[in-house]
Amino acid sequence: MNWISVNNKLPEQLKELVIKPNDGLSPEITKKLIVLTDLGTVTDNKRLKMQVGEKEWTWFMGYDGETVTHWAVFEEPKQ
């Protein structure tokens, strides 16, 4: 797995990771990612573009008292 620092690049900067819905109602979202926090938590997550306010990208799941520091592309297991 190749970890990418959030300080270097965010997933939404890679077109191949962004899913743009066709319905005009759903937010843009990234494909599934693996994330690492500053406290060592590793989980799956996604980034989504908020549809109100500043319309900024944010992590789909938040981490109470933790900050995402790195991410990697989730790769489906080969069958």
Protein backbone atom coordinates (compact mmCIF):
# COMPACT_ATOMS: atom_id res chain seq x y z
CA MET A 1 0.00 0.00 0.00
CA ASN A 2 1.33 3.43 -0.92
CA TRP A 3 0.39 6.03 1.69
CA ILE A 4 -0.04 9.60 0.45
CA SER A 5 0.24 12.49 2.89
CA VAL A 6 -2.77 14.82 2.97
CA ASN A 7 -0.16 17.62 2.94
CA ASN A 8 1.01 16.49 -0.51
CA LYS A 9 -2.23 15.56 -2.29
CA LEU A 10 -5.90 14.91 -1.57
CA PRO A 11 -7.95 12.21 -3.33
CA GLU A 12 -10.29 14.67 -5.06
CA GLN A 13 -7.29 16.03 -6.96
CA LEU A 14 -7.18 12.77 -8.95
CA LYS A 15 -9.99 12.67 -11.52
CA GLU A 16 -10.01 8.87 -11.61
CA LEU A 17 -11.00 8.77 -7.93
CA VAL A 18 -13.95 11.21 -8.13
CA ILE A 19 -17.48 9.93 -8.75
CA LYS A 20 -19.74 12.62 -10.23
CA PRO A 21 -23.43 11.71 -9.92
CA ASN A 22 -25.74 12.27 -12.88
CA ASP A 23 -28.84 13.06 -10.84
CA GLY A 24 -27.86 16.61 -9.88
CA LEU A 25 -28.89 15.92 -6.27
CA SER A 26 -26.12 13.74 -4.87
CA PRO A 27 -22.73 15.18 -3.91
CA GLU A 28 -19.50 14.41 -5.68
CA ILE A 29 -17.69 11.69 -3.75
CA THR A 30 -14.45 9.79 -4.05
CA LYS A 31 -14.08 6.07 -4.43
CA LYS A 32 -13.36 4.10 -1.24
CA LEU A 33 -10.05 4.96 0.41
CA ILE A 34 -7.98 3.66 3.31
CA VAL A 35 -7.01 6.39 5.76
CA LEU A 36 -4.49 6.70 8.60
CA THR A 37 -4.93 9.18 11.47
CA ASP A 38 -2.37 10.89 13.68
CA LEU A 39 -3.22 8.39 16.45
CA GLY A 40 -2.67 5.34 14.25
CA THR A 41 -6.29 4.50 13.42
CA VAL A 42 -6.67 2.83 10.01
CA THR A 43 -10.15 2.69 8.44
CA ASP A 44 -11.92 2.97 5.14
CA ASN A 45 -13.41 6.34 4.27
CA LYS A 46 -14.31 8.62 1.37
CA ARG A 47 -14.16 12.34 0.66
CA LEU A 48 -17.29 14.21 -0.37
CA LYS A 49 -17.97 17.71 -1.60
CA MET A 50 -20.43 19.51 0.63
CA GLN A 51 -23.44 20.93 -1.23
CA VAL A 52 -24.09 23.84 1.13
CA GLY A 53 -21.98 26.63 2.58
CA GLU A 54 -18.42 26.77 1.31
CA LYS A 55 -18.93 23.59 -0.76
CA GLU A 56 -15.59 22.26 0.48
CA TRP A 57 -14.40 18.67 0.33
CA THR A 58 -14.47 16.81 3.67
CA TRP A 59 -13.98 13.30 5.00
CA PHE A 60 -17.25 11.33 4.98
CA MET A 61 -16.56 9.90 8.46
CA GLY A 62 -15.02 12.14 11.11
CA TYR A 63 -12.65 11.00 13.83
CA ASP A 64 -13.25 12.36 17.33
CA GLY A 65 -9.95 13.85 18.51
CA GLU A 66 -8.01 12.48 15.53
CA THR A 67 -6.86 13.96 12.25
CA VAL A 68 -6.42 12.13 8.95
CA THR A 69 -2.74 12.37 7.98
CA HIS A 70 -2.43 9.86 5.11
CA TRP A 71 -4.61 8.04 2.62
CA ALA A 72 -4.28 5.26 0.06
CA VAL A 73 -6.42 3.94 -2.76
CA PHE A 74 -8.55 0.99 -1.64
CA GLU A 75 -7.85 -2.02 -3.80
CA GLU A 76 -10.44 -4.77 -4.01
CA PRO A 77 -8.98 -8.21 -3.18
CA LYS A 78 -8.25 -10.28 -6.25
CA GLN A 79 -10.40 -13.37 -6.56
